[in-house]
Amino acid sequence: MSYTIRIEPTGHTFTALPEETLLEAALRSGININYNCSNGSCGDCKARLLAGEVEASPSDYRFSAREKSEGYLLLCTARAASDLVIAAQEARTSKDIPLQRITTRVAKIEAPGEAIRLLHLRTPRTRTLRFLAGQHARLWFPGEAAIDAPLAGCPCNGMQLQFHLRRQAGSPFIERLFGELKSGDTVELEGPFGEITLDDDARRPLLMVAVGEAFAAVKSLIEHAINLDFREPVRLFWLADPAIGHYLENHCRSWNEVLDDYRFVPLTSAGEEPDETAIRRLLDAIAGESPELAACDIYIAGPPAFQRALHQRLVDGGAEADRVFMPRRRARLSEAGA
């Protein structure tokens, strides 16, 4: 059995199982609900019950007498006992997400190729990271320069964070990642940054283009769309050079099982920065696979020169200029050290 929860004033709805908290259910469904500690201490996920019945666990947070009389509850400690209507705050844009600084630990490091690492970080249970799909964060070790990289995971789980990092010279962080870094080591994190996120309400076909490890940002966007039960067409074009290849190709193909109208088109380029031949091949593939450009929201993650060039060509081909978005391209050294 599951229950339907409607949020006011947005009118967004999600389903909740009796055994999960309303916060867990909302995040699983792609709802960018306000929260912080997730354990009943801070009150940031406070909401008002307008209709229905809930079961709530004890918490450290103390409501005022007025809040009690008006039916306030904590989404992180309340479970649905019927269909509900609640009044709650949602993050609508990146400006609604606070800047956070968290000490994380390495959960695991995957090596799908010699030149690429998938870094999995775990936050404390009481300090999960709130972010939106398409944003990025700054990572560093104490006393060393920071590196800035896209968040590759789904915002539904801010305790398990993922980053795709390529071998590159001049970065102490990358050198340690490809060297002695191990599970349990501490990594400092600050974020999220970035204003390019998924437009949850647009419901337009999605055209996603990624170059190399900048695929990380696109992965986050698509996984968020999946949680939103996205029904519009999704097209993913991934240009990868031989050094790293399409290191999560099987994962990309698995999205066929959860998206109604999805195509994955892997393409190759001679180097990290696609040359003119690769760009022409990409444009030909887009022309053959994608819905009408004017109908699409388009996301391009790659080197800045490539983003600008492809943006212009897509607009020349009929795309709406203000519906072509360019999230953070790839991991890079931060201008501001830790």
Protein backbone atom coordinates (compact mmCIF):
# COMPACT_ATOMS: atom_id res chain seq x y z
CA MET A 1 0.00 0.00 0.00
CA SER A 2 1.14 3.54 -0.71
CA TYR A 3 -0.32 6.96 -0.04
CA THR A 4 -0.49 10.07 -2.22
CA ILE A 5 0.86 13.31 -0.81
CA ARG A 6 0.10 16.68 -2.38
CA ILE A 7 2.28 19.70 -1.58
CA GLU A 8 0.87 23.19 -1.39
CA PRO A 9 1.28 25.73 -2.87
CA THR A 10 3.08 24.02 -5.81
CA GLY A 11 0.56 21.22 -6.29
CA HIS A 12 3.36 18.67 -6.71
CA THR A 13 2.45 15.13 -5.69
CA PHE A 14 4.42 12.06 -4.65
CA THR A 15 3.71 8.66 -3.16
CA ALA A 16 4.89 7.39 0.21
CA LEU A 17 5.06 3.90 1.65
CA PRO A 18 3.96 3.45 5.28
CA GLU A 19 7.48 2.46 6.37
CA GLU A 20 9.32 5.49 4.92
CA THR A 21 9.39 9.04 6.21
CA LEU A 22 7.75 11.77 4.18
CA LEU A 23 11.18 13.28 3.59
CA GLU A 24 12.57 10.01 2.24
CA ALA A 25 9.55 9.59 -0.04
CA ALA A 26 9.72 13.16 -1.34
CA LEU A 27 13.45 12.95 -2.16
CA ARG A 28 13.00 9.53 -3.79
CA SER A 29 10.34 11.09 -6.01
CA GLY A 30 12.59 13.96 -7.11
CA ILE A 31 10.90 16.61 -4.96
CA ASN A 32 13.42 19.28 -3.87
CA ILE A 33 11.95 19.63 -0.40
CA ASN A 34 13.71 21.74 2.23
CA TYR A 35 15.73 19.73 4.78
CA ASN A 36 19.06 19.64 6.56
CA CYS A 37 19.85 17.21 9.39
CA SER A 38 17.32 14.46 8.46
CA ASN A 39 17.12 13.33 12.09
CA GLY A 40 14.60 15.62 13.78
CA SER A 41 17.01 18.17 15.24
CA CYS A 42 17.12 21.27 13.02
CA GLY A 43 13.50 21.86 11.96
CA ASP A 44 14.41 22.78 8.37
CA CYS A 45 11.97 20.19 6.96
CA LYS A 46 9.09 21.62 8.97
CA ALA A 47 5.74 21.39 7.18
CA ARG A 48 2.08 21.91 8.00
CA LEU A 49 -0.45 19.09 7.80
CA LEU A 50 -3.54 20.37 5.97
CA ALA A 51 -5.40 17.08 5.51
CA GLY A 52 -4.91 13.43 6.39
CA GLU A 53 -3.25 11.45 9.18
CA VAL A 54 0.40 10.81 10.01
CA GLU A 55 2.45 8.83 12.50
CA ALA A 56 5.39 10.76 13.91
CA SER A 57 8.45 9.56 15.81
CA PRO A 58 9.84 11.60 18.74
CA SER A 59 12.35 14.32 17.85
CA ASP A 60 14.65 16.83 19.55
CA TYR A 61 13.09 19.77 17.72
CA ARG A 62 10.56 21.74 19.79
CA PHE A 63 7.55 23.32 18.09
CA SER A 64 6.03 26.51 19.46
CA ALA A 65 2.53 26.41 20.87
CA ARG A 66 1.22 28.11 17.71
CA GLU A 67 2.95 25.57 15.45
CA LYS A 68 1.47 22.70 17.44
CA SER A 69 -2.02 24.16 17.20
CA GLU A 70 -1.64 24.69 13.43
CA GLY A 71 -0.59 21.10 12.75
CA TYR A 72 3.12 21.44 12.02
CA LEU A 73 5.30 18.34 11.69
CA LEU A 74 8.81 17.30 10.64
CA LEU A 75 8.96 15.49 7.33
CA CYS A 76 12.02 13.54 8.50
CA THR A 77 10.15 11.94 11.43
CA ALA A 78 6.57 11.68 10.08
CA ARG A 79 5.11 8.77 8.10
CA ALA A 80 1.87 8.80 6.16
CA ALA A 81 -1.10 6.92 7.59
CA SER A 82 -3.44 8.11 4.81
CA ASP A 83 -3.39 10.31 1.74
CA LEU A 84 -2.12 13.75 2.76
CA VAL A 85 -2.11 17.41 1.85
CA ILE A 86 0.81 19.33 3.34
CA ALA A 87 2.16 22.87 3.09
CA ALA A 88 5.94 22.74 2.66
CA GLN A 89 8.82 24.71 1.19
CA GLU A 90 10.53 23.43 -1.96
CA ALA A 91 13.74 24.56 -3.62
CA ARG A 92 12.70 25.93 -7.00
CA THR A 93 16.09 27.24 -8.18
CA SER A 94 19.74 27.04 -7.15
CA LYS A 95 19.25 30.24 -5.14
CA ASP A 96 17.05 28.27 -2.74
CA ILE A 97 19.90 25.89 -1.84
CA PRO A 98 22.28 27.11 0.90
CA LEU A 99 26.05 26.88 0.53
CA GLN A 100 27.27 24.04 2.75
CA ARG A 101 30.68 22.91 4.02
CA ILE A 102 30.92 19.28 5.07
CA THR A 103 33.72 16.93 6.11
CA THR A 104 33.15 13.72 4.13
CA ARG A 105 34.88 10.36 3.99
CA VAL A 106 35.83 8.22 1.03
CA ALA A 107 33.31 5.38 0.68
CA LYS A 108 34.99 3.75 -2.32
CA ILE A 109 37.03 4.49 -5.44
CA GLU A 110 36.18 2.78 -8.71
CA ALA A 111 38.66 2.52 -11.60
CA PRO A 112 36.73 1.80 -14.81
CA GLY A 113 39.86 2.77 -16.79
CA GLU A 114 43.46 3.82 -16.30
CA ALA A 115 42.70 7.52 -16.78
CA ILE A 116 39.37 7.82 -14.93
CA ARG A 117 38.27 7.37 -11.31
CA LEU A 118 34.79 7.39 -9.80
CA LEU A 119 35.10 8.88 -6.33
CA HIS A 120 32.30 8.03 -3.89
CA LEU A 121 32.09 10.20 -0.78
CA ARG A 122 29.86 9.70 2.24
CA THR A 123 28.64 12.57 4.39
CA PRO A 124 27.75 12.26 8.08
CA ARG A 125 24.16 11.11 8.56
CA THR A 126 23.37 14.42 10.22
CA ARG A 127 25.01 16.60 7.53
CA THR A 128 23.83 15.40 4.13
CA LEU A 129 24.44 17.64 1.12
CA ARG A 130 21.44 19.40 -0.40
CA PHE A 131 21.94 20.03 -4.10
CA LEU A 132 20.12 20.12 -7.41
CA ALA A 133 20.90 17.96 -10.42
CA GLY A 134 23.48 19.72 -12.61
CA GLN A 135 25.33 21.47 -9.78
CA HIS A 136 28.96 21.02 -8.72
CA ALA A 137 31.08 21.11 -5.58
CA ARG A 138 34.59 22.00 -4.43
CA LEU A 139 36.77 19.23 -2.95
CA TRP A 140 40.09 19.45 -1.15
CA PHE A 141 42.41 17.96 1.42
CA PRO A 142 43.40 20.22 4.34
CA GLY A 143 46.22 22.54 3.38
CA GLU A 144 45.99 21.82 -0.35
CA ALA A 145 44.36 23.50 -3.34
CA ALA A 146 40.75 22.63 -4.10
CA ILE A 147 39.35 21.00 -7.21
CA ASP A 148 35.92 21.84 -8.60
CA ALA A 149 33.86 18.96 -10.08
CA PRO A 150 30.29 18.12 -11.11
CA LEU A 151 28.10 16.12 -8.76
CA ALA A 152 27.33 12.91 -10.62
CA GLY A 153 24.72 11.42 -8.32
CA CYS A 154 21.03 11.93 -7.78
CA PRO A 155 19.93 14.68 -5.35
CA CYS A 156 17.63 12.08 -3.75
CA ASN A 157 20.57 10.82 -1.66
CA GLY A 158 22.71 13.64 -0.32
CA MET A 159 24.67 11.26 1.91
CA GLN A 160 26.17 9.26 -0.99
CA LEU A 161 28.02 11.59 -3.39
CA GLN A 162 29.76 10.69 -6.63
CA PHE A 163 32.39 12.46 -8.73
CA HIS A 164 34.03 11.45 -12.05
CA LEU A 165 37.63 12.61 -12.11
CA ARG A 166 40.12 12.33 -14.94
CA ARG A 167 43.87 12.02 -14.57
CA GLN A 168 45.40 15.47 -15.11
CA ALA A 169 48.67 17.15 -14.31
CA GLY A 170 49.05 19.93 -11.76
CA SER A 171 46.42 18.81 -9.26
CA PRO A 172 47.56 17.44 -5.88
CA PHE A 173 44.01 16.21 -5.32
CA ILE A 174 44.01 14.16 -8.53
CA GLU A 175 47.50 12.83 -7.84
CA ARG A 176 46.40 11.57 -4.43
CA LEU A 177 43.18 10.12 -5.87
CA PHE A 178 45.18 8.11 -8.42
CA GLY A 179 47.76 7.23 -5.79
CA GLU A 180 47.40 6.57 -2.08
CA LEU A 181 43.80 7.72 -1.37
CA LYS A 182 41.74 4.96 0.24
CA SER A 183 38.38 4.24 1.84
CA GLY A 184 37.86 6.11 5.10
CA ASP A 185 40.13 9.03 4.23
CA THR A 186 38.76 12.52 4.87
CA VAL A 187 37.81 14.89 2.04
CA GLU A 188 36.53 18.42 2.67
CA LEU A 189 33.60 19.56 0.54
CA GLU A 190 31.94 22.90 -0.12
CA GLY A 191 28.90 23.47 -2.30
CA PRO A 192 26.75 23.24 -4.19
CA PHE A 193 27.58 25.74 -6.93
CA GLY A 194 26.03 26.35 -10.33
CA GLU A 195 22.77 27.71 -11.67
CA ILE A 196 22.14 25.22 -14.50
CA THR A 197 19.65 22.67 -13.17
CA LEU A 198 16.78 20.64 -14.58
CA ASP A 199 13.57 22.58 -15.15
CA ASP A 200 11.26 20.22 -13.24
CA ASP A 201 8.07 21.77 -14.57
CA ALA A 202 8.97 22.21 -18.25
CA ARG A 203 8.24 18.63 -19.34
CA ARG A 204 9.87 19.16 -22.74
CA PRO A 205 11.94 16.52 -24.58
CA LEU A 206 15.50 16.41 -23.27
CA LEU A 207 18.56 16.43 -25.51
CA MET A 208 21.71 15.70 -23.49
CA VAL A 209 25.25 16.08 -24.86
CA ALA A 210 28.33 15.15 -22.84
CA VAL A 211 32.05 15.17 -23.62
CA GLY A 212 34.36 12.83 -21.70
CA GLU A 213 34.01 12.83 -17.92
CA ALA A 214 31.67 15.86 -18.12
CA PHE A 215 29.13 13.05 -18.51
CA ALA A 216 28.95 13.28 -14.70
CA ALA A 217 26.71 16.36 -14.84
CA VAL A 218 24.42 14.78 -17.44
CA LYS A 219 24.16 11.59 -15.37
CA SER A 220 22.85 13.60 -12.42
CA LEU A 221 20.28 15.36 -14.61
CA ILE A 222 18.97 12.13 -16.16
CA GLU A 223 18.74 10.32 -12.83
CA HIS A 224 16.75 13.21 -11.42
CA ALA A 225 14.43 13.06 -14.44
CA ILE A 226 13.91 9.35 -13.76
CA ASN A 227 12.86 10.08 -10.19
CA LEU A 228 10.39 12.65 -11.53
CA ASP A 229 8.81 9.83 -13.60
CA PHE A 230 9.74 11.76 -16.73
CA ARG A 231 7.65 10.69 -19.74
CA GLU A 232 9.00 12.94 -22.50
CA PRO A 233 11.66 11.74 -24.98
CA VAL A 234 15.27 11.73 -23.73
CA ARG A 235 18.26 11.58 -26.08
CA LEU A 236 21.81 11.16 -24.76
CA PHE A 237 24.87 11.75 -26.96
CA TRP A 238 28.20 11.00 -25.29
CA LEU A 239 31.44 11.97 -27.07
CA ALA A 240 34.35 10.12 -25.45
CA ASP A 241 38.03 10.03 -26.32
CA PRO A 242 40.05 6.78 -26.29
CA ALA A 243 41.77 7.59 -22.98
CA ILE A 244 38.61 7.12 -20.91
CA GLY A 245 36.03 5.75 -23.35
CA HIS A 246 32.36 5.37 -22.45
CA TYR A 247 33.24 4.13 -18.98
CA LEU A 248 29.58 3.78 -17.86
CA GLU A 249 28.15 2.58 -21.16
CA ASN A 250 26.15 -0.28 -19.61
CA HIS A 251 24.69 2.11 -17.06
CA CYS A 252 23.58 4.42 -19.86
CA ARG A 253 21.92 1.53 -21.67
CA SER A 254 20.11 0.45 -18.50
CA TRP A 255 18.09 3.68 -18.57
CA ASN A 256 16.09 2.09 -21.40
CA GLU A 257 14.30 0.12 -18.69
CA VAL A 258 13.06 3.16 -16.75
CA LEU A 259 12.52 5.84 -19.41
CA ASP A 260 9.63 5.53 -21.84
CA ASP A 261 11.31 7.06 -24.90
CA TYR A 262 15.09 7.02 -24.56
CA ARG A 263 18.03 6.71 -26.95
CA PHE A 264 21.73 6.49 -26.06
CA VAL A 265 24.20 7.32 -28.84
CA PRO A 266 27.91 6.75 -27.98
CA LEU A 267 30.34 8.65 -30.21
CA THR A 268 34.13 8.91 -30.24
CA SER A 269 36.52 11.83 -30.59
CA ALA A 270 40.25 11.88 -31.26
CA GLY A 271 41.12 13.84 -28.11
CA GLU A 272 39.72 15.44 -24.96
CA GLU A 273 38.49 18.43 -26.97
CA PRO A 274 36.32 17.28 -29.91
CA ASP A 275 37.63 18.29 -33.31
CA GLU A 276 35.51 19.51 -36.22
CA THR A 277 35.04 15.98 -37.53
CA ALA A 278 33.64 14.80 -34.19
CA ILE A 279 31.35 17.82 -33.95
CA ARG A 280 29.95 17.21 -37.44
CA ARG A 281 29.37 13.55 -36.59
CA LEU A 282 27.57 14.63 -33.42
CA LEU A 283 25.34 17.06 -35.29
CA ASP A 284 24.47 14.36 -37.83
CA ALA A 285 23.56 11.98 -35.00
CA ILE A 286 21.40 14.62 -33.33
CA ALA A 287 19.60 15.31 -36.60
CA GLY A 288 18.84 11.61 -37.02
CA GLU A 289 17.77 10.78 -33.48
CA SER A 290 16.27 13.84 -31.82
CA PRO A 291 12.80 15.38 -31.77
CA GLU A 292 12.42 18.85 -33.29
CA LEU A 293 15.11 21.07 -31.74
CA ALA A 294 12.69 23.91 -31.01
CA ALA A 295 10.70 21.57 -28.77
CA CYS A 296 13.70 20.44 -26.67
CA ASP A 297 15.49 21.48 -23.53
CA ILE A 298 19.15 20.96 -24.42
CA TYR A 299 22.02 20.43 -21.98
CA ILE A 300 25.66 20.54 -23.14
CA ALA A 301 28.46 19.45 -20.78
CA GLY A 302 31.96 19.73 -22.20
CA PRO A 303 34.91 22.06 -22.88
CA PRO A 304 33.85 25.75 -23.01
CA ALA A 305 34.84 26.26 -26.67
CA PHE A 306 32.86 23.15 -27.63
CA GLN A 307 29.85 24.31 -25.62
CA ARG A 308 29.82 27.70 -27.32
CA ALA A 309 30.27 26.26 -30.80
CA LEU A 310 27.58 23.60 -30.39
CA HIS A 311 25.21 26.10 -28.78
CA GLN A 312 25.45 28.34 -31.83
CA ARG A 313 24.99 25.52 -34.32
CA LEU A 314 21.97 24.15 -32.50
CA VAL A 315 20.39 27.60 -32.35
CA ASP A 316 21.11 28.03 -36.07
CA GLY A 317 19.35 24.70 -36.56
CA GLY A 318 16.18 25.82 -34.80
CA ALA A 319 16.81 25.37 -31.06
CA GLU A 320 15.57 28.10 -28.72
CA ALA A 321 18.63 29.97 -27.44
CA ASP A 322 17.27 30.29 -23.90
CA ARG A 323 16.53 26.54 -23.74
CA VAL A 324 20.14 25.50 -24.41
CA PHE A 325 21.93 25.07 -21.07
CA MET A 326 25.59 24.50 -20.26
CA PRO A 327 26.31 23.00 -16.81
CA ARG A 328 29.81 22.75 -15.36
CA ARG A 329 32.00 21.05 -17.95
CA ARG A 330 34.51 18.96 -15.95
CA ALA A 331 36.73 18.80 -12.89
CA ARG A 332 39.17 21.69 -12.71
CA LEU A 333 41.48 23.36 -10.22
CA SER A 334 39.61 25.96 -8.21
CA GLU A 335 40.79 29.54 -8.37
CA ALA A 336 40.28 29.75 -4.62
CA GLY A 337 42.35 27.32 -2.61
CA ALA A 338 41.10 25.70 0.58
